[in-house]
Every structure is written in C-alpha cells, then in structure tokens.
Amino acid sequence: MATVGVVLYIASMWIAGVMQGLMWRAVNADGTLTYSFVEAVKGSYPFWAIRVLGGLMFLVGMFIMAYNMFKTMAGGKTDDVPVLAPAGHHA
C-alpha cells in the first residue's frame, strides 16, 4: 500500500510540474503569456488531490507495517523443545 501511495504521489507531482511548465511557456502571437500564474496553479488542483490520496495511502501503509511489527513482537511465546537426533545416528 505504501508503495502504491508513493507512486501516486510522485506521478501526480511530476505530471503537474510538466503541465505548469508548459503553461508558463505558452505565449500568444503578441508575446504575452497565454496563462497567468493563478491559472497554472488552478490547473494543478486535481493533481494535488491525487497527491493527498497517495500520501494517505503511504501513511496507512506505514500504520499497517507498525501494527504488524508490534503484533509480531508481542506474538506467541517460544517453547524450548529438545531436538532429537535422527534415528540411526549416535552422538
């Protein structure tokens, strides 16, 4: 779960960055910018929502790992059982 969360986080930010960069480079015929800074930021909102989802998935994955680790450490106790040599072998 944490791995999928990281992939979503990274992919969404990468795509948003490329999109913003292309919007900032776009110019009209007269040389003025096609998009304002605010329009470029507004275009990133959906990708930020995906980033939040990826971050939450990563966080949940870490909680699952911590729960698993603590349950494993607190799990069943071991018993000392004598190990018998296989038949036919003398020590």
C-alpha atoms as a PDB file:
ATOM      1  CA  MET A   1       0.000   0.000   0.000  1.00  0.00           C
ATOM      2  CA  ALA A   2       2.823   2.376   0.848  1.00  0.00           C
ATOM      3  CA  THR A   3       4.499   1.669  -2.491  1.00  0.00           C
ATOM      4  CA  VAL A   4       1.350   2.448  -4.466  1.00  0.00           C
ATOM      5  CA  GLY A   5       0.937   5.627  -2.410  1.00  0.00           C
ATOM      6  CA  VAL A   6       4.470   6.765  -3.252  1.00  0.00           C
ATOM      7  CA  VAL A   7       3.929   6.036  -6.948  1.00  0.00           C
ATOM      8  CA  LEU A   8       0.691   8.069  -6.972  1.00  0.00           C
ATOM      9  CA  TYR A   9       2.387  10.914  -5.102  1.00  0.00           C
ATOM     10  CA  ILE A  10       5.393  11.052  -7.425  1.00  0.00           C
ATOM     11  CA  ALA A  11       3.449  10.602 -10.672  1.00  0.00           C
ATOM     12  CA  SER A  12       0.891  13.280  -9.833  1.00  0.00           C
ATOM     13  CA  MET A  13       3.543  15.834  -8.886  1.00  0.00           C
ATOM     14  CA  TRP A  14       5.603  15.039 -11.982  1.00  0.00           C
ATOM     15  CA  ILE A  15       2.634  15.472 -14.308  1.00  0.00           C
ATOM     16  CA  ALA A  16       1.546  18.665 -12.526  1.00  0.00           C
ATOM     17  CA  GLY A  17       5.053  20.087 -12.849  1.00  0.00           C
ATOM     18  CA  VAL A  18       5.272  19.340 -16.560  1.00  0.00           C
ATOM     19  CA  MET A  19       1.813  20.836 -17.097  1.00  0.00           C
ATOM     20  CA  GLN A  20       2.679  24.014 -15.183  1.00  0.00           C
ATOM     21  CA  GLY A  21       5.938  24.366 -17.058  1.00  0.00           C
ATOM     22  CA  LEU A  22       4.180  24.086 -20.410  1.00  0.00           C
ATOM     23  CA  MET A  23       1.519  26.581 -19.312  1.00  0.00           C
ATOM     24  CA  TRP A  24       4.187  29.090 -18.228  1.00  0.00           C
ATOM     25  CA  ARG A  25       5.985  28.763 -21.581  1.00  0.00           C
ATOM     26  CA  ALA A  26       2.840  29.234 -23.695  1.00  0.00           C
ATOM     27  CA  VAL A  27       2.742  32.661 -25.331  1.00  0.00           C
ATOM     28  CA  ASN A  28       0.258  34.473 -27.563  1.00  0.00           C
ATOM     29  CA  ALA A  29       1.147  35.813 -31.006  1.00  0.00           C
ATOM     30  CA  ASP A  30       1.980  39.208 -29.493  1.00  0.00           C
ATOM     31  CA  GLY A  31       4.435  37.638 -26.993  1.00  0.00           C
ATOM     32  CA  THR A  32       2.255  37.877 -23.878  1.00  0.00           C
ATOM     33  CA  LEU A  33       1.721  34.850 -21.660  1.00  0.00           C
ATOM     34  CA  THR A  34      -1.297  32.708 -22.549  1.00  0.00           C
ATOM     35  CA  TYR A  35      -1.909  31.637 -18.955  1.00  0.00           C
ATOM     36  CA  SER A  36      -1.484  33.616 -15.765  1.00  0.00           C
ATOM     37  CA  PHE A  37       0.323  32.190 -12.758  1.00  0.00           C
ATOM     38  CA  VAL A  38      -3.020  31.721 -10.975  1.00  0.00           C
ATOM     39  CA  GLU A  39      -4.451  29.759 -13.916  1.00  0.00           C
ATOM     40  CA  ALA A  40      -1.434  27.447 -13.864  1.00  0.00           C
ATOM     41  CA  VAL A  41      -1.846  26.875 -10.132  1.00  0.00           C
ATOM     42  CA  LYS A  42      -5.590  26.220 -10.514  1.00  0.00           C
ATOM     43  CA  GLY A  43      -4.802  23.628 -13.173  1.00  0.00           C
ATOM     44  CA  SER A  44      -2.757  21.705 -10.607  1.00  0.00           C
ATOM     45  CA  TYR A  45      -5.609  21.205  -8.117  1.00  0.00           C
ATOM     46  CA  PRO A  46      -6.682  17.749  -9.427  1.00  0.00           C
ATOM     47  CA  PHE A  47      -3.097  16.531  -9.212  1.00  0.00           C
ATOM     48  CA  TRP A  48      -2.830  17.826  -5.653  1.00  0.00           C
ATOM     49  CA  ALA A  49      -5.911  15.760  -4.769  1.00  0.00           C
ATOM     50  CA  ILE A  50      -4.157  12.685  -6.164  1.00  0.00           C
ATOM     51  CA  ARG A  51      -1.077  13.638  -4.139  1.00  0.00           C
ATOM     52  CA  VAL A  52      -3.185  13.725  -0.965  1.00  0.00           C
ATOM     53  CA  LEU A  53      -4.599  10.289  -1.800  1.00  0.00           C
ATOM     54  CA  GLY A  54      -1.083   8.933  -2.385  1.00  0.00           C
ATOM     55  CA  GLY A  55       0.151  10.447   0.875  1.00  0.00           C
ATOM     56  CA  LEU A  56      -2.755   8.945   2.807  1.00  0.00           C
ATOM     57  CA  MET A  57      -2.124   5.536   1.233  1.00  0.00           C
ATOM     58  CA  PHE A  58       1.533   5.776   2.249  1.00  0.00           C
ATOM     59  CA  LEU A  59       0.562   6.755   5.797  1.00  0.00           C
ATOM     60  CA  VAL A  60      -1.934   3.881   6.087  1.00  0.00           C
ATOM     61  CA  GLY A  61       0.730   1.512   4.756  1.00  0.00           C
ATOM     62  CA  MET A  62       3.112   2.662   7.494  1.00  0.00           C
ATOM     63  CA  PHE A  63       0.431   2.135  10.166  1.00  0.00           C
ATOM     64  CA  ILE A  64      -0.226  -1.380   8.828  1.00  0.00           C
ATOM     65  CA  MET A  65       3.523  -2.088   8.951  1.00  0.00           C
ATOM     66  CA  ALA A  66       3.779  -0.781  12.527  1.00  0.00           C
ATOM     67  CA  TYR A  67       0.754  -2.847  13.615  1.00  0.00           C
ATOM     68  CA  ASN A  68       2.217  -5.956  12.001  1.00  0.00           C
ATOM     69  CA  MET A  69       5.594  -5.328  13.628  1.00  0.00           C
ATOM     70  CA  PHE A  70       4.154  -4.838  17.118  1.00  0.00           C
ATOM     71  CA  LYS A  71       1.836  -7.853  16.819  1.00  0.00           C
ATOM     72  CA  THR A  72       4.796  -9.955  15.668  1.00  0.00           C
ATOM     73  CA  MET A  73       6.977  -8.804  18.567  1.00  0.00           C
ATOM     74  CA  ALA A  74       4.186  -9.369  21.111  1.00  0.00           C
ATOM     75  CA  GLY A  75       3.075 -12.604  19.461  1.00  0.00           C
ATOM     76  CA  GLY A  76       3.280 -16.151  20.717  1.00  0.00           C
ATOM     77  CA  LYS A  77       5.962 -17.199  23.106  1.00  0.00           C
ATOM     78  CA  THR A  78       8.529 -19.771  22.165  1.00  0.00           C
ATOM     79  CA  ASP A  79       8.906 -23.105  23.901  1.00  0.00           C
ATOM     80  CA  ASP A  80      12.245 -24.793  24.438  1.00  0.00           C
ATOM     81  CA  VAL A  81      11.776 -28.237  22.963  1.00  0.00           C
ATOM     82  CA  PRO A  82      14.658 -30.728  22.815  1.00  0.00           C
ATOM     83  CA  VAL A  83      15.774 -31.541  19.309  1.00  0.00           C
ATOM     84  CA  LEU A  84      16.068 -35.282  18.764  1.00  0.00           C
ATOM     85  CA  ALA A  85      18.770 -36.700  16.526  1.00  0.00           C
ATOM     86  CA  PRO A  86      17.512 -38.650  13.513  1.00  0.00           C
ATOM     87  CA  ALA A  87      17.189 -42.412  14.037  1.00  0.00           C
ATOM     88  CA  GLY A  88      20.307 -44.421  13.321  1.00  0.00           C
ATOM     89  CA  HIS A  89      22.769 -41.693  14.344  1.00  0.00           C
ATOM     90  CA  HIS A  90      24.578 -41.939  17.625  1.00  0.00           C
ATOM     91  CA  ALA A  91      26.132 -38.974  19.291  1.00  0.00           C
END
